[in-house]
Structure formats: structure tokens, C-alpha cells
Amino acid sequence: MCEVAEALVQMGKEQGIEQGIKSVIETYKEFNTKKDDILLKISEKFNLDAQKAQYYMDKYWQ
């Protein structure tokens, strides 16, 4: 049972981080920040490799 609870907590953390990344992308975009600069910022702030950062940019850049 403890493993299930830990898995749920981890899943919640991951969802929260992804929501944070989405919000950061949207906010920077509203301020007309260049796409490359946003990519660098989310990489730095969320400790993402280039491939994962690009994945989120592709997902949330609208």
C-alpha cells in the first residue's frame, strides 16, 4: 500500500512540474520573449536536457 501512495505522490509532483513549465512558457510568450530564450530558461529552471525542453516547447507553444 505504501508503494501505491508513493507512486501517487510522484505522479502528482510530475504533473505539478509540467504545469509549472506550461505556465512559464505561456508567461514568457505573453511578454514576447524569443522562443530560443524560453527554451534556455525552462532548461535552466527545471533542470531539463535539450530534448526534454524541446518536447515541452513543442507541446505548449501555441
N, C-alpha and C. Protein backbone atom coordinates (compact mmCIF):
# COMPACT_ATOMS: atom_id res chain seq x y z
N MET A 1 0.83 -1.20 0.00
CA MET A 1 0.00 0.00 0.00
C MET A 1 0.87 1.26 0.00
N CYS A 2 1.97 1.20 0.71
CA CYS A 2 2.86 2.35 0.79
C CYS A 2 3.45 2.68 -0.60
N GLU A 3 3.73 1.66 -1.39
CA GLU A 3 4.27 1.88 -2.73
C GLU A 3 3.26 2.59 -3.62
N VAL A 4 2.00 2.26 -3.45
CA VAL A 4 0.94 2.91 -4.23
C VAL A 4 0.88 4.39 -3.87
N ALA A 5 0.93 4.68 -2.58
CA ALA A 5 0.88 6.07 -2.13
C ALA A 5 2.09 6.85 -2.66
N GLU A 6 3.26 6.24 -2.61
CA GLU A 6 4.46 6.89 -3.11
C GLU A 6 4.36 7.15 -4.61
N ALA A 7 3.80 6.21 -5.35
CA ALA A 7 3.63 6.38 -6.79
C ALA A 7 2.67 7.53 -7.08
N LEU A 8 1.61 7.63 -6.30
CA LEU A 8 0.65 8.71 -6.49
C LEU A 8 1.27 10.07 -6.17
N VAL A 9 2.07 10.12 -5.13
CA VAL A 9 2.75 11.37 -4.77
C VAL A 9 3.70 11.77 -5.90
N GLN A 10 4.46 10.82 -6.42
CA GLN A 10 5.40 11.10 -7.50
C GLN A 10 4.66 11.59 -8.75
N MET A 11 3.55 10.94 -9.07
CA MET A 11 2.76 11.34 -10.22
C MET A 11 2.25 12.78 -10.03
N GLY A 12 1.82 13.11 -8.83
CA GLY A 12 1.36 14.46 -8.55
C GLY A 12 2.46 15.49 -8.71
N LYS A 13 3.66 15.15 -8.25
CA LYS A 13 4.80 16.05 -8.40
C LYS A 13 5.11 16.29 -9.86
N GLU A 14 5.11 15.21 -10.64
CA GLU A 14 5.41 15.34 -12.07
C GLU A 14 4.37 16.20 -12.78
N GLN A 15 3.11 16.03 -12.42
CA GLN A 15 2.05 16.85 -13.02
C GLN A 15 2.21 18.31 -12.62
N GLY A 16 2.60 18.55 -11.38
CA GLY A 16 2.81 19.92 -10.92
C GLY A 16 3.97 20.59 -11.63
N ILE A 17 5.05 19.85 -11.84
CA ILE A 17 6.20 20.39 -12.56
C ILE A 17 5.81 20.71 -14.01
N GLU A 18 5.08 19.80 -14.64
CA GLU A 18 4.68 20.04 -16.02
C GLU A 18 3.76 21.27 -16.11
N GLN A 19 2.87 21.43 -15.16
CA GLN A 19 2.00 22.61 -15.15
C GLN A 19 2.83 23.88 -14.98
N GLY A 20 3.85 23.80 -14.14
CA GLY A 20 4.75 24.94 -13.96
C GLY A 20 5.48 25.29 -15.24
N ILE A 21 5.97 24.28 -15.94
CA ILE A 21 6.65 24.51 -17.22
C ILE A 21 5.71 25.16 -18.21
N LYS A 22 4.50 24.66 -18.29
CA LYS A 22 3.50 25.23 -19.19
C LYS A 22 3.25 26.71 -18.87
N SER A 23 3.11 27.01 -17.60
CA SER A 23 2.85 28.40 -17.18
C SER A 23 4.02 29.31 -17.51
N VAL A 24 5.23 28.82 -17.32
CA VAL A 24 6.42 29.62 -17.63
C VAL A 24 6.47 29.92 -19.13
N ILE A 25 6.24 28.90 -19.95
CA ILE A 25 6.24 29.10 -21.40
C ILE A 25 5.20 30.13 -21.80
N GLU A 26 3.99 29.97 -21.30
CA GLU A 26 2.90 30.90 -21.65
C GLU A 26 3.20 32.32 -21.19
N THR A 27 3.76 32.47 -20.00
CA THR A 27 4.06 33.80 -19.46
C THR A 27 5.15 34.48 -20.27
N TYR A 28 6.24 33.77 -20.54
CA TYR A 28 7.31 34.37 -21.35
C TYR A 28 6.79 34.74 -22.74
N LYS A 29 5.94 33.90 -23.29
CA LYS A 29 5.40 34.17 -24.62
C LYS A 29 4.55 35.45 -24.61
N GLU A 30 3.78 35.64 -23.54
CA GLU A 30 2.97 36.86 -23.42
C GLU A 30 3.83 38.12 -23.40
N PHE A 31 5.06 37.99 -22.92
CA PHE A 31 5.98 39.12 -22.87
C PHE A 31 6.88 39.17 -24.10
N ASN A 32 6.47 38.43 -25.15
CA ASN A 32 7.17 38.43 -26.43
C ASN A 32 8.64 38.02 -26.33
N THR A 33 8.92 37.09 -25.43
CA THR A 33 10.27 36.55 -25.31
C THR A 33 10.51 35.59 -26.46
N LYS A 34 11.73 35.63 -27.01
CA LYS A 34 12.05 34.76 -28.13
C LYS A 34 11.99 33.29 -27.70
N LYS A 35 11.58 32.48 -28.65
CA LYS A 35 11.40 31.05 -28.38
C LYS A 35 12.70 30.40 -27.87
N ASP A 36 13.83 30.76 -28.47
CA ASP A 36 15.11 30.20 -28.03
C ASP A 36 15.45 30.59 -26.59
N ASP A 37 15.08 31.81 -26.22
CA ASP A 37 15.34 32.26 -24.85
C ASP A 37 14.46 31.51 -23.85
N ILE A 38 13.22 31.26 -24.23
CA ILE A 38 12.32 30.49 -23.36
C ILE A 38 12.84 29.07 -23.20
N LEU A 39 13.29 28.49 -24.29
CA LEU A 39 13.85 27.14 -24.25
C LEU A 39 15.01 27.07 -23.25
N LEU A 40 15.89 28.05 -23.32
CA LEU A 40 17.02 28.10 -22.39
C LEU A 40 16.54 28.26 -20.94
N LYS A 41 15.57 29.14 -20.72
CA LYS A 41 15.08 29.38 -19.36
C LYS A 41 14.44 28.14 -18.74
N ILE A 42 13.60 27.44 -19.51
CA ILE A 42 12.98 26.26 -18.91
C ILE A 42 14.00 25.16 -18.69
N SER A 43 15.02 25.10 -19.55
CA SER A 43 16.09 24.13 -19.33
C SER A 43 16.81 24.40 -18.01
N GLU A 44 17.11 25.66 -17.77
CA GLU A 44 17.82 26.06 -16.55
C GLU A 44 16.94 25.89 -15.31
N LYS A 45 15.74 26.43 -15.36
CA LYS A 45 14.88 26.46 -14.17
C LYS A 45 14.38 25.09 -13.75
N PHE A 46 14.16 24.21 -14.73
CA PHE A 46 13.60 22.90 -14.41
C PHE A 46 14.60 21.76 -14.61
N ASN A 47 15.87 22.15 -14.83
CA ASN A 47 16.95 21.17 -14.97
C ASN A 47 16.63 20.11 -16.03
N LEU A 48 16.27 20.59 -17.22
CA LEU A 48 15.89 19.71 -18.32
C LEU A 48 17.02 19.63 -19.35
N ASP A 49 17.17 18.45 -19.95
CA ASP A 49 18.10 18.36 -21.07
C ASP A 49 17.43 19.00 -22.28
N ALA A 50 18.21 19.22 -23.33
CA ALA A 50 17.70 19.93 -24.51
C ALA A 50 16.51 19.22 -25.14
N GLN A 51 16.57 17.91 -25.19
CA GLN A 51 15.49 17.15 -25.83
C GLN A 51 14.17 17.29 -25.05
N LYS A 52 14.25 17.20 -23.72
CA LYS A 52 13.03 17.31 -22.90
C LYS A 52 12.48 18.74 -22.95
N ALA A 53 13.36 19.72 -22.91
CA ALA A 53 12.91 21.11 -23.00
C ALA A 53 12.22 21.37 -24.34
N GLN A 54 12.77 20.82 -25.42
CA GLN A 54 12.16 20.99 -26.73
C GLN A 54 10.80 20.29 -26.79
N TYR A 55 10.69 19.15 -26.13
CA TYR A 55 9.41 18.44 -26.07
C TYR A 55 8.33 19.34 -25.46
N TYR A 56 8.66 19.99 -24.34
CA TYR A 56 7.67 20.86 -23.69
C TYR A 56 7.37 22.10 -24.54
N MET A 57 8.39 22.65 -25.22
CA MET A 57 8.15 23.79 -26.08
C MET A 57 7.18 23.42 -27.20
N ASP A 58 7.42 22.27 -27.81
CA ASP A 58 6.55 21.82 -28.89
C ASP A 58 5.12 21.57 -28.38
N LYS A 59 5.02 21.07 -27.18
CA LYS A 59 3.72 20.74 -26.61
C LYS A 59 2.91 21.99 -26.23
N TYR A 60 3.57 23.02 -25.69
CA TYR A 60 2.84 24.15 -25.12
C TYR A 60 2.99 25.46 -25.90
N TRP A 61 3.80 25.51 -26.92
CA TRP A 61 3.92 26.73 -27.71
C TRP A 61 2.74 26.79 -28.68
N GLN A 62 1.81 27.68 -28.41
CA GLN A 62 0.60 27.75 -29.24
C GLN A 62 0.37 29.13 -29.76
